[in-house]
Amino acid sequence: MTVPVTMPVSVADGVLAAHPLISAVPFFVPTFVVVAVIAVVVWRDRRRGDDEETRDIT
């Protein structure tokens, strides 16, 4: 009976990350940036209040 010999995988073979999470990070970082920008815009808008929109100039 022969035992298969496994060769170490190198970068030249096409494997760039040892874990799927590491290879997924570049796809999730832009999503978190967009969510953070939206959260800051909403937070600033809520702090400003409705004073500017409800003023009535007569």
PDB file of N, CA and C in Angstrom:
ATOM      1  N   MET A   1       0.852  -1.176   0.000  1.00  0.00           N
ATOM      2  CA  MET A   1       0.000   0.000   0.000  1.00  0.00           C
ATOM      3  C   MET A   1       0.900   1.243   0.000  1.00  0.00           C
ATOM      4  N   THR A   2       0.591   2.202  -0.869  1.00  0.00           N
ATOM      5  CA  THR A   2       1.389   3.420  -0.948  1.00  0.00           C
ATOM      6  C   THR A   2       0.667   4.569  -0.266  1.00  0.00           C
ATOM      7  N   VAL A   3       1.431   5.410   0.369  1.00  0.00           N
ATOM      8  CA  VAL A   3       0.884   6.585   1.052  1.00  0.00           C
ATOM      9  C   VAL A   3       1.079   7.782   0.144  1.00  0.00           C
ATOM     10  N   PRO A   4      -0.012   8.522  -0.154  1.00  0.00           N
ATOM     11  CA  PRO A   4       0.147   9.695  -1.012  1.00  0.00           C
ATOM     12  C   PRO A   4       0.961  10.770  -0.313  1.00  0.00           C
ATOM     13  N   VAL A   5       1.822  11.385  -1.051  1.00  0.00           N
ATOM     14  CA  VAL A   5       2.659  12.453  -0.520  1.00  0.00           C
ATOM     15  C   VAL A   5       2.049  13.776  -0.962  1.00  0.00           C
ATOM     16  N   THR A   6       1.792  14.640   0.008  1.00  0.00           N
ATOM     17  CA  THR A   6       1.227  15.950  -0.321  1.00  0.00           C
ATOM     18  C   THR A   6       2.351  16.967  -0.391  1.00  0.00           C
ATOM     19  N   MET A   7       2.274  17.769  -1.393  1.00  0.00           N
ATOM     20  CA  MET A   7       3.273  18.811  -1.585  1.00  0.00           C
ATOM     21  C   MET A   7       2.764  20.094  -0.921  1.00  0.00           C
ATOM     22  N   PRO A   8       3.631  20.880  -0.337  1.00  0.00           N
ATOM     23  CA  PRO A   8       3.187  22.153   0.238  1.00  0.00           C
ATOM     24  C   PRO A   8       2.691  23.096  -0.858  1.00  0.00           C
ATOM     25  N   VAL A   9       1.657  23.826  -0.520  1.00  0.00           N
ATOM     26  CA  VAL A   9       1.067  24.757  -1.473  1.00  0.00           C
ATOM     27  C   VAL A   9       1.793  26.085  -1.361  1.00  0.00           C
ATOM     28  N   SER A  10       2.180  26.634  -2.478  1.00  0.00           N
ATOM     29  CA  SER A  10       2.881  27.920  -2.471  1.00  0.00           C
ATOM     30  C   SER A  10       1.998  28.985  -3.103  1.00  0.00           C
ATOM     31  N   VAL A  11       2.448  30.221  -3.023  1.00  0.00           N
ATOM     32  CA  VAL A  11       1.708  31.335  -3.613  1.00  0.00           C
ATOM     33  C   VAL A  11       1.634  31.175  -5.131  1.00  0.00           C
ATOM     34  N   ALA A  12       2.626  30.580  -5.702  1.00  0.00           N
ATOM     35  CA  ALA A  12       2.635  30.386  -7.150  1.00  0.00           C
ATOM     36  C   ALA A  12       1.533  29.449  -7.613  1.00  0.00           C
ATOM     37  N   ASP A  13       1.025  28.631  -6.693  1.00  0.00           N
ATOM     38  CA  ASP A  13      -0.053  27.709  -7.045  1.00  0.00           C
ATOM     39  C   ASP A  13      -1.417  28.390  -7.040  1.00  0.00           C
ATOM     40  N   GLY A  14      -1.509  29.607  -6.569  1.00  0.00           N
ATOM     41  CA  GLY A  14      -2.767  30.342  -6.620  1.00  0.00           C
ATOM     42  C   GLY A  14      -3.463  30.511  -5.290  1.00  0.00           C
ATOM     43  N   VAL A  15      -2.956  29.938  -4.230  1.00  0.00           N
ATOM     44  CA  VAL A  15      -3.581  30.098  -2.921  1.00  0.00           C
ATOM     45  C   VAL A  15      -2.963  31.314  -2.257  1.00  0.00           C
ATOM     46  N   LEU A  16      -3.783  32.325  -2.017  1.00  0.00           N
ATOM     47  CA  LEU A  16      -3.267  33.565  -1.437  1.00  0.00           C
ATOM     48  C   LEU A  16      -3.633  33.726   0.032  1.00  0.00           C
ATOM     49  N   ALA A  17      -4.619  32.969   0.504  1.00  0.00           N
ATOM     50  CA  ALA A  17      -5.032  33.084   1.890  1.00  0.00           C
ATOM     51  C   ALA A  17      -5.224  31.693   2.474  1.00  0.00           C
ATOM     52  N   ALA A  18      -4.851  31.554   3.728  1.00  0.00           N
ATOM     53  CA  ALA A  18      -4.966  30.259   4.378  1.00  0.00           C
ATOM     54  C   ALA A  18      -6.361  30.047   4.960  1.00  0.00           C
ATOM     55  N   HIS A  19      -7.137  31.096   5.071  1.00  0.00           N
ATOM     56  CA  HIS A  19      -8.465  30.991   5.672  1.00  0.00           C
ATOM     57  C   HIS A  19      -9.445  31.775   4.812  1.00  0.00           C
ATOM     58  N   PRO A  20     -10.676  31.276   4.645  1.00  0.00           N
ATOM     59  CA  PRO A  20     -11.653  31.997   3.806  1.00  0.00           C
ATOM     60  C   PRO A  20     -11.974  33.403   4.314  1.00  0.00           C
ATOM     61  N   LEU A  21     -11.897  33.604   5.616  1.00  0.00           N
ATOM     62  CA  LEU A  21     -12.176  34.937   6.160  1.00  0.00           C
ATOM     63  C   LEU A  21     -11.157  35.957   5.685  1.00  0.00           C
ATOM     64  N   ILE A  22      -9.911  35.538   5.580  1.00  0.00           N
ATOM     65  CA  ILE A  22      -8.858  36.450   5.129  1.00  0.00           C
ATOM     66  C   ILE A  22      -9.104  36.879   3.684  1.00  0.00           C
ATOM     67  N   SER A  23      -9.559  35.970   2.873  1.00  0.00           N
ATOM     68  CA  SER A  23      -9.811  36.334   1.482  1.00  0.00           C
ATOM     69  C   SER A  23     -11.114  37.119   1.321  1.00  0.00           C
ATOM     70  N   ALA A  24     -12.004  37.084   2.320  1.00  0.00           N
ATOM     71  CA  ALA A  24     -13.266  37.810   2.241  1.00  0.00           C
ATOM     72  C   ALA A  24     -13.159  39.236   2.764  1.00  0.00           C
ATOM     73  N   VAL A  25     -12.110  39.538   3.523  1.00  0.00           N
ATOM     74  CA  VAL A  25     -11.962  40.868   4.126  1.00  0.00           C
ATOM     75  C   VAL A  25     -11.980  41.987   3.084  1.00  0.00           C
ATOM     76  N   PRO A  26     -11.284  41.880   1.951  1.00  0.00           N
ATOM     77  CA  PRO A  26     -11.333  42.991   0.988  1.00  0.00           C
ATOM     78  C   PRO A  26     -12.723  43.275   0.436  1.00  0.00           C
ATOM     79  N   PHE A  27     -13.623  42.323   0.522  1.00  0.00           N
ATOM     80  CA  PHE A  27     -14.976  42.550   0.038  1.00  0.00           C
ATOM     81  C   PHE A  27     -15.874  43.164   1.103  1.00  0.00           C
ATOM     82  N   PHE A  28     -15.574  42.928   2.380  1.00  0.00           N
ATOM     83  CA  PHE A  28     -16.413  43.462   3.450  1.00  0.00           C
ATOM     84  C   PHE A  28     -15.989  44.840   3.916  1.00  0.00           C
ATOM     85  N   VAL A  29     -14.741  45.198   3.778  1.00  0.00           N
ATOM     86  CA  VAL A  29     -14.271  46.507   4.242  1.00  0.00           C
ATOM     87  C   VAL A  29     -15.001  47.655   3.546  1.00  0.00           C
ATOM     88  N   PRO A  30     -15.164  47.649   2.217  1.00  0.00           N
ATOM     89  CA  PRO A  30     -15.929  48.745   1.595  1.00  0.00           C
ATOM     90  C   PRO A  30     -17.383  48.807   2.078  1.00  0.00           C
ATOM     91  N   THR A  31     -17.964  47.667   2.382  1.00  0.00           N
ATOM     92  CA  THR A  31     -19.339  47.644   2.903  1.00  0.00           C
ATOM     93  C   THR A  31     -19.387  48.344   4.252  1.00  0.00           C
ATOM     94  N   PHE A  32     -18.426  48.055   5.123  1.00  0.00           N
ATOM     95  CA  PHE A  32     -18.399  48.704   6.427  1.00  0.00           C
ATOM     96  C   PHE A  32     -18.147  50.208   6.298  1.00  0.00           C
ATOM     97  N   VAL A  33     -17.352  50.615   5.337  1.00  0.00           N
ATOM     98  CA  VAL A  33     -17.099  52.042   5.120  1.00  0.00           C
ATOM     99  C   VAL A  33     -18.379  52.741   4.683  1.00  0.00           C
ATOM    100  N   VAL A  34     -19.122  52.143   3.771  1.00  0.00           N
ATOM    101  CA  VAL A  34     -20.385  52.735   3.302  1.00  0.00           C
ATOM    102  C   VAL A  34     -21.383  52.822   4.451  1.00  0.00           C
ATOM    103  N   VAL A  35     -21.502  51.779   5.247  1.00  0.00           N
ATOM    104  CA  VAL A  35     -22.422  51.787   6.387  1.00  0.00           C
ATOM    105  C   VAL A  35     -22.008  52.853   7.400  1.00  0.00           C
ATOM    106  N   ALA A  36     -20.710  53.009   7.628  1.00  0.00           N
ATOM    107  CA  ALA A  36     -20.245  54.028   8.568  1.00  0.00           C
ATOM    108  C   ALA A  36     -20.562  55.431   8.073  1.00  0.00           C
ATOM    109  N   VAL A  37     -20.386  55.683   6.784  1.00  0.00           N
ATOM    110  CA  VAL A  37     -20.699  57.003   6.226  1.00  0.00           C
ATOM    111  C   VAL A  37     -22.193  57.289   6.349  1.00  0.00           C
ATOM    112  N   ILE A  38     -23.018  56.317   6.042  1.00  0.00           N
ATOM    113  CA  ILE A  38     -24.475  56.504   6.164  1.00  0.00           C
ATOM    114  C   ILE A  38     -24.849  56.748   7.618  1.00  0.00           C
ATOM    115  N   ALA A  39     -24.244  56.014   8.552  1.00  0.00           N
ATOM    116  CA  ALA A  39     -24.549  56.198   9.971  1.00  0.00           C
ATOM    117  C   ALA A  39     -24.153  57.590  10.443  1.00  0.00           C
ATOM    118  N   VAL A  40     -23.014  58.107   9.986  1.00  0.00           N
ATOM    119  CA  VAL A  40     -22.584  59.454  10.380  1.00  0.00           C
ATOM    120  C   VAL A  40     -23.534  60.504   9.814  1.00  0.00           C
ATOM    121  N   VAL A  41     -23.956  60.346   8.577  1.00  0.00           N
ATOM    122  CA  VAL A  41     -24.884  61.309   7.974  1.00  0.00           C
ATOM    123  C   VAL A  41     -26.213  61.303   8.723  1.00  0.00           C
ATOM    124  N   VAL A  42     -26.721  60.142   9.048  1.00  0.00           N
ATOM    125  CA  VAL A  42     -27.985  60.052   9.795  1.00  0.00           C
ATOM    126  C   VAL A  42     -27.823  60.648  11.182  1.00  0.00           C
ATOM    127  N   TRP A  43     -26.702  60.351  11.844  1.00  0.00           N
ATOM    128  CA  TRP A  43     -26.468  60.859  13.191  1.00  0.00           C
ATOM    129  C   TRP A  43     -26.389  62.381  13.199  1.00  0.00           C
ATOM    130  N   ARG A  44     -25.693  62.959  12.229  1.00  0.00           N
ATOM    131  CA  ARG A  44     -25.580  64.417  12.159  1.00  0.00           C
ATOM    132  C   ARG A  44     -26.925  65.055  11.831  1.00  0.00           C
ATOM    133  N   ASP A  45     -27.698  64.411  10.982  1.00  0.00           N
ATOM    134  CA  ASP A  45     -29.013  64.940  10.626  1.00  0.00           C
ATOM    135  C   ASP A  45     -29.956  64.897  11.815  1.00  0.00           C
ATOM    136  N   ARG A  46     -29.882  63.840  12.613  1.00  0.00           N
ATOM    137  CA  ARG A  46     -30.748  63.736  13.790  1.00  0.00           C
ATOM    138  C   ARG A  46     -30.369  64.763  14.844  1.00  0.00           C
ATOM    139  N   ARG A  47     -29.071  65.055  14.972  1.00  0.00           N
ATOM    140  CA  ARG A  47     -28.637  66.044  15.956  1.00  0.00           C
ATOM    141  C   ARG A  47     -29.065  67.441  15.556  1.00  0.00           C
ATOM    142  N   ARG A  48     -29.121  67.706  14.269  1.00  0.00           N
ATOM    143  CA  ARG A  48     -29.493  69.032  13.788  1.00  0.00           C
ATOM    144  C   ARG A  48     -30.949  69.327  14.122  1.00  0.00           C
ATOM    145  N   GLY A  49     -31.795  68.335  14.032  1.00  0.00           N
ATOM    146  CA  GLY A  49     -33.195  68.514  14.375  1.00  0.00           C
ATOM    147  C   GLY A  49     -33.998  69.043  13.211  1.00  0.00           C
ATOM    148  N   ASP A  50     -35.226  69.408  13.518  1.00  0.00           N
ATOM    149  CA  ASP A  50     -36.155  69.883  12.491  1.00  0.00           C
ATOM    150  C   ASP A  50     -36.339  71.393  12.543  1.00  0.00           C
ATOM    151  N   ASP A  51     -35.478  72.133  13.231  1.00  0.00           N
ATOM    152  CA  ASP A  51     -35.646  73.571  13.382  1.00  0.00           C
ATOM    153  C   ASP A  51     -35.602  74.296  12.048  1.00  0.00           C
ATOM    154  N   GLU A  52     -34.736  73.890  11.165  1.00  0.00           N
ATOM    155  CA  GLU A  52     -34.587  74.595   9.895  1.00  0.00           C
ATOM    156  C   GLU A  52     -35.776  74.405   8.977  1.00  0.00           C
ATOM    157  N   GLU A  53     -36.405  73.256   9.045  1.00  0.00           N
ATOM    158  CA  GLU A  53     -37.519  72.976   8.149  1.00  0.00           C
ATOM    159  C   GLU A  53     -38.842  73.561   8.635  1.00  0.00           C
ATOM    160  N   THR A  54     -38.997  73.771   9.959  1.00  0.00           N
ATOM    161  CA  THR A  54     -40.285  74.216  10.500  1.00  0.00           C
ATOM    162  C   THR A  54     -40.376  75.719  10.689  1.00  0.00           C
ATOM    163  N   ARG A  55     -39.330  76.457  10.369  1.00  0.00           N
ATOM    164  CA  ARG A  55     -39.395  77.917  10.489  1.00  0.00           C
ATOM    165  C   ARG A  55     -40.392  78.461   9.468  1.00  0.00           C
ATOM    166  N   ASP A  56     -41.191  79.357   9.943  1.00  0.00           N
ATOM    167  CA  ASP A  56     -42.206  79.948   9.085  1.00  0.00           C
ATOM    168  C   ASP A  56     -41.952  81.443   8.992  1.00  0.00           C
ATOM    169  N   ILE A  57     -41.574  81.915   7.836  1.00  0.00           N
ATOM    170  CA  ILE A  57     -41.298  83.333   7.651  1.00  0.00           C
ATOM    171  C   ILE A  57     -42.586  83.985   7.109  1.00  0.00           C
ATOM    172  N   THR A  58     -43.163  84.871   7.942  1.00  0.00           N
ATOM    173  CA  THR A  58     -44.409  85.533   7.497  1.00  0.00           C
ATOM    174  C   THR A  58     -44.278  87.026   7.556  1.00  0.00           C
TER     175      THR A  58
END
